[in-house]
Protein backbone atom coordinates (compact mmCIF):
# COMPACT_ATOMS: atom_id res chain seq x y z
CA UNK A 1 20.61 10.48 -3.55
CA UNK A 2 20.92 8.52 -0.24
CA UNK A 3 19.41 9.16 3.21
CA UNK A 4 16.25 10.62 1.83
CA UNK A 5 14.09 9.53 4.78
CA UNK A 6 16.89 9.73 7.36
CA UNK A 7 15.55 9.66 11.09
CA UNK A 8 11.98 9.07 9.92
CA UNK A 9 9.77 6.23 11.39
CA UNK A 10 7.63 4.36 8.84
CA UNK A 11 4.88 1.78 9.26
CA UNK A 12 4.35 -0.37 6.26
CA UNK A 13 1.25 -2.77 6.22
CA UNK A 14 1.31 -5.80 4.07
CA UNK A 15 5.04 -5.88 4.24
CA UNK A 16 5.70 -9.70 4.13
CA UNK A 17 5.82 -9.67 0.32
CA UNK A 18 5.24 -7.88 -2.94
CA UNK A 19 5.09 -4.10 -2.91
CA UNK A 20 5.03 -3.78 0.89
CA UNK A 21 8.24 -5.71 1.11
CA UNK A 22 9.98 -3.49 -1.49
CA UNK A 23 8.63 -0.42 0.25
CA UNK A 24 10.03 -1.41 3.64
CA UNK A 25 13.49 -2.41 2.25
CA UNK A 26 13.84 0.71 0.21
CA UNK A 27 12.70 3.06 3.03
CA UNK A 28 15.07 1.27 5.46
CA UNK A 29 17.90 1.66 2.80
CA UNK A 30 17.25 5.42 2.71
CA UNK A 31 17.51 5.85 6.41
CA UNK A 32 14.20 5.19 7.92
CA UNK A 33 13.35 2.98 11.02
CA UNK A 34 10.61 0.62 9.55
CA UNK A 35 7.79 -1.30 11.31
CA UNK A 36 6.59 -4.04 8.98
CA UNK A 37 3.08 -5.48 9.53
CA UNK A 38 1.36 -8.40 8.11
CA UNK A 39 -0.83 -11.42 8.99
CA UNK A 40 1.94 -13.59 7.59
CA UNK A 41 4.29 -13.89 10.56
CA UNK A 42 7.02 -16.10 9.09
CA UNK A 43 7.49 -14.10 5.96
CA UNK A 44 7.15 -10.79 7.70
CA UNK A 45 9.73 -11.73 10.36
CA UNK A 46 12.12 -12.89 7.57
CA UNK A 47 11.97 -9.49 5.76
CA UNK A 48 12.64 -7.58 9.00
CA UNK A 49 15.53 -9.85 9.77
CA UNK A 50 16.90 -9.19 6.23
CA UNK A 51 16.79 -5.43 7.02
CA UNK A 52 18.26 -5.69 10.36
CA UNK A 53 17.07 -5.54 13.97
CA UNK A 54 18.45 -2.02 14.54
CA UNK A 55 16.24 -0.57 11.78
CA UNK A 56 13.39 -2.96 11.47
CA UNK A 57 10.58 -4.45 13.59
CA UNK A 58 7.79 -6.89 12.57
CA UNK A 59 4.51 -6.93 14.13
CA UNK A 60 1.56 -9.30 13.23
CA UNK A 61 -1.39 -7.09 12.29
CA UNK A 62 -4.93 -7.39 11.09
CA UNK A 63 -5.54 -4.00 9.57
CA UNK A 64 -9.32 -4.26 9.96
CA UNK A 65 -8.91 -4.56 13.63
CA UNK A 66 -9.05 -1.34 15.67
CA UNK A 67 -7.34 -3.03 18.73
CA UNK A 68 -4.44 -4.10 16.49
CA UNK A 69 -4.06 -0.54 15.21
CA UNK A 70 -3.77 0.78 18.70
CA UNK A 71 -1.31 -1.82 19.64
CA UNK A 72 0.88 -1.25 16.36
CA UNK A 73 1.01 2.59 16.83
CA UNK A 74 1.68 2.16 20.60
CA UNK A 75 4.51 -0.32 20.02
CA UNK A 76 5.97 1.83 17.26
CA UNK A 77 6.15 4.85 19.55
CA UNK A 78 7.67 2.68 22.42
CA UNK A 79 10.35 1.30 20.08
CA UNK A 80 11.18 4.09 17.66
CA UNK A 81 9.80 7.06 19.35
CA UNK A 82 6.93 7.98 17.06
CA UNK A 83 5.32 7.73 13.55
CA UNK A 84 6.35 10.01 10.56
CA UNK A 85 5.23 7.81 7.65
CA UNK A 86 2.37 5.36 7.14
CA UNK A 87 2.13 3.26 4.09
CA UNK A 88 -1.40 1.66 3.93
CA UNK A 89 -0.59 -1.13 1.57
CA UNK A 90 -2.15 -4.39 2.77
CA UNK A 91 -5.10 -5.38 0.62
CA UNK A 92 -6.92 -8.54 -0.71
CA UNK A 93 -8.03 -9.13 -4.32
CA UNK A 94 -10.87 -11.37 -5.66
CA UNK A 95 -12.23 -11.75 -9.06
CA UNK A 96 -16.00 -11.40 -9.38
CA UNK A 97 -18.42 -9.27 -11.44
CA UNK A 98 -21.48 -7.52 -9.89
CA UNK A 99 -23.49 -10.60 -10.84
CA UNK A 100 -21.04 -12.95 -9.21
CA UNK A 101 -20.16 -10.92 -6.18
CA UNK A 102 -21.94 -12.22 -2.81
CA UNK A 103 -22.59 -9.91 -0.03
CA UNK A 104 -20.12 -11.88 2.10
CA UNK A 105 -17.28 -11.40 -0.43
CA UNK A 106 -18.23 -7.71 -0.82
CA UNK A 107 -18.01 -7.31 3.09
CA UNK A 108 -14.84 -9.22 3.37
CA UNK A 109 -13.08 -7.02 0.81
CA UNK A 110 -14.47 -3.73 2.20
CA UNK A 111 -13.45 -4.86 5.64
CA UNK A 112 -9.78 -5.05 4.57
CA UNK A 113 -9.39 -2.62 1.82
CA UNK A 114 -11.70 0.16 3.12
CA UNK A 115 -12.11 -0.11 6.80
CA UNK A 116 -8.54 -1.13 7.29
CA UNK A 117 -7.36 2.06 5.53
CA UNK A 118 -9.76 4.27 7.47
CA UNK A 119 -8.32 3.02 10.73
CA UNK A 120 -4.75 3.44 9.46
CA UNK A 121 -5.36 6.98 8.54
CA UNK A 122 -7.28 7.83 11.70
CA UNK A 123 -4.65 6.43 14.06
CA UNK A 124 -1.61 7.34 11.87
CA UNK A 125 -2.75 10.93 11.71
CA UNK A 126 -3.16 11.14 15.40
CA UNK A 127 0.28 9.88 15.94
CA UNK A 128 1.71 12.08 13.36
CA UNK A 129 0.41 15.14 15.07
CA UNK A 130 2.99 14.68 17.77
CA UNK A 131 5.82 14.93 15.12
CA UNK A 132 7.09 17.82 13.14
CA UNK A 133 5.49 16.58 9.92
CA UNK A 134 3.91 13.33 8.59
CA UNK A 135 2.96 11.47 5.40
CA UNK A 136 0.20 9.10 4.80
CA UNK A 137 0.44 7.00 1.67
CA UNK A 138 -2.52 4.97 0.58
CA UNK A 139 -2.23 2.28 -2.02
CA UNK A 140 -5.40 2.56 -4.29
CA UNK A 141 -5.60 1.22 -7.86
CA UNK A 142 -6.51 2.19 -11.47
CA UNK A 143 -9.58 0.00 -10.74
CA UNK A 144 -10.70 2.59 -8.33
CA UNK A 145 -10.66 5.31 -11.06
CA UNK A 146 -11.69 3.41 -14.18
CA UNK A 147 -13.56 0.55 -12.90
CA UNK A 148 -12.99 -3.09 -13.85
CA UNK A 149 -15.77 -5.50 -14.72
CA UNK A 150 -14.36 -8.41 -13.14
CA UNK A 151 -13.29 -6.80 -9.86
CA UNK A 152 -16.54 -5.26 -8.57
CA UNK A 153 -15.85 -5.22 -4.85
CA UNK A 154 -12.19 -4.55 -5.19
CA UNK A 155 -12.81 -1.49 -7.43
CA UNK A 156 -15.33 -0.15 -5.08
CA UNK A 157 -12.85 -0.42 -2.19
CA UNK A 158 -10.10 1.27 -4.01
CA UNK A 159 -12.52 4.05 -5.01
CA UNK A 160 -13.32 4.47 -1.33
CA UNK A 161 -9.50 4.69 -0.52
CA UNK A 162 -9.13 7.55 -3.08
CA UNK A 163 -12.13 9.46 -1.54
CA UNK A 164 -10.80 8.80 2.01
CA UNK A 165 -7.33 10.12 0.80
CA UNK A 166 -8.81 13.41 -0.40
CA UNK A 167 -10.83 13.91 2.71
CA UNK A 168 -7.75 13.37 5.02
CA UNK A 169 -5.68 15.71 2.88
CA UNK A 170 -8.44 18.40 3.06
CA UNK A 171 -8.73 18.19 6.72
CA UNK A 172 -4.94 18.26 7.29
CA UNK A 173 -4.81 21.48 5.11
CA UNK A 174 -7.77 23.08 6.96
CA UNK A 175 -6.29 22.34 10.34
CA UNK A 176 -2.77 23.57 9.11
CA UNK A 177 -1.25 20.21 10.05
CA UNK A 178 2.00 19.48 8.36
CA UNK A 179 0.62 15.99 7.46
CA UNK A 180 0.15 15.04 3.78
CA UNK A 181 -2.18 12.27 2.52
CA UNK A 182 -1.82 11.04 -1.15
CA UNK A 183 -2.91 7.89 -3.00
CA UNK A 184 -1.07 5.74 -5.60
CA UNK A 185 -3.06 4.17 -8.40
CA UNK A 186 -1.11 1.36 -10.21
CA UNK A 187 -2.38 -0.83 -13.02
CA UNK A 188 -1.04 -4.39 -12.72
CA UNK A 189 1.88 -5.17 -10.56
CA UNK A 190 4.11 -8.28 -10.84
CA UNK A 191 3.34 -9.64 -7.39
CA UNK A 192 2.03 -13.05 -6.08
CA UNK A 193 -1.45 -11.55 -5.30
CA UNK A 194 -1.87 -10.53 -8.97
CA UNK A 195 -0.23 -13.69 -10.60
CA UNK A 196 -2.47 -15.86 -8.51
CA UNK A 197 -5.34 -14.65 -10.56
CA UNK A 198 -3.75 -15.98 -13.81
CA UNK A 199 -3.79 -19.81 -14.16
CA UNK A 200 -1.43 -21.71 -16.41
CA UNK A 201 -2.52 -24.70 -18.61
CA UNK A 202 -2.32 -26.90 -15.60
CA UNK A 203 -4.54 -24.69 -13.37
CA UNK A 204 -1.53 -23.49 -11.25
CA UNK A 205 -0.94 -19.81 -10.57
CA UNK A 206 1.01 -18.36 -13.49
CA UNK A 207 4.58 -17.02 -13.31
CA UNK A 208 5.92 -14.00 -15.06
CA UNK A 209 7.68 -16.29 -17.62
CA UNK A 210 4.34 -18.02 -18.47
CA UNK A 211 2.58 -14.67 -19.02
CA UNK A 212 5.55 -13.46 -20.98
CA UNK A 213 5.30 -16.44 -23.29
CA UNK A 214 1.54 -16.33 -23.77
CA UNK A 215 1.13 -12.61 -23.85
CA UNK A 216 4.41 -10.65 -23.96
CA UNK A 217 2.72 -7.38 -24.91
CA UNK A 218 0.47 -7.46 -21.88
CA UNK A 219 3.36 -8.20 -19.51
CA UNK A 220 5.39 -5.36 -20.82
CA UNK A 221 2.60 -2.88 -21.00
CA UNK A 222 0.60 -3.74 -17.94
CA UNK A 223 2.63 -5.02 -15.23
CA UNK A 224 5.03 -2.66 -13.23
CA UNK A 225 7.61 -4.11 -10.81
CA UNK A 226 7.25 -3.70 -7.16
CA UNK A 227 10.31 -1.59 -7.14
CA UNK A 228 8.52 0.93 -9.48
CA UNK A 229 5.84 1.49 -6.80
CA UNK A 230 8.48 1.61 -3.91
CA UNK A 231 10.21 4.44 -5.71
CA UNK A 232 7.15 6.57 -5.74
CA UNK A 233 6.36 5.55 -2.03
CA UNK A 234 9.84 6.75 -1.11
CA UNK A 235 9.34 10.16 -2.90
CA UNK A 236 6.02 10.60 -1.04
CA UNK A 237 7.48 9.56 2.24
CA UNK A 238 10.48 12.07 1.91
CA UNK A 239 10.39 15.87 2.36
CA UNK A 240 10.95 16.20 -1.31
CA UNK A 241 7.19 15.90 -1.79
CA UNK A 242 6.26 18.29 1.19
CA UNK A 243 3.84 20.27 -0.88
CA UNK A 244 1.98 17.33 -2.56
CA UNK A 245 -1.14 16.76 -0.59
CA UNK A 246 -4.42 15.00 -1.81
CA UNK A 247 -2.89 13.82 -5.08
CA UNK A 248 -3.87 10.68 -7.00
CA UNK A 249 -0.59 9.51 -8.44
CA UNK A 250 -1.25 7.16 -11.41
CA UNK A 251 1.58 4.73 -12.18
CA UNK A 252 0.02 2.81 -14.99
CA UNK A 253 2.00 3.36 -18.12
CA UNK A 254 -0.71 5.52 -19.80
CA UNK A 255 -3.52 3.05 -19.14
CA UNK A 256 -6.30 5.63 -19.06
CA UNK A 257 -5.21 7.01 -22.54
CA UNK A 258 -4.77 3.63 -24.23
CA UNK A 259 -7.11 2.15 -26.59
CA UNK A 260 -6.58 -0.67 -29.07
């Protein structure tokens, strides 16, 4: 279609790699000015450079830091004039059951995946009130709906994101703000964060080729490509989805209906 988010300004967290990188590139390709944020400065700056200085800016950003959110929102306004779209994408993932999860690990994951999204919604919404409309897009997970034994803290954090999304959406409707808040719930995604959990026969993080060889059915059925998620992000960022608010958008290839 082209120019689907023309003249919009978007912030994408965790944009140095994986889904966040694809989100930023696609939003820019469709006309948005994009602020990419991440703790990985080198990779983040490389993605911004790939997009181009006129359309993209990289900022180092700890999403669990309130001071960092104030700085990122302020800089975005100074450089591009405001905020129309926020993609809360940055997250961390650790494998541990309820029996294996320590309090320290629990708090570490909640700090990023839950506190960070709360701060993003709070400051993103305040900035969007100054604009004609706004869209907050929160990356949750199927783990936040169905639960996963091996990802206790992560599942809880993503369930918190879903609840936060519904609360923000309800608030915006009640206040008659033209701001929408929706969550995206993927199953597996073919990203470094996910593949780092899978080790090959030598104990090294697995590649897609390795998983395809070991379990081709799982790779085909369970793993979306980052571009698949970015396409949905673009739709929710655009005015095409102007009446979609508080939705839990599953992108899971029928995961909840599957039984074998």
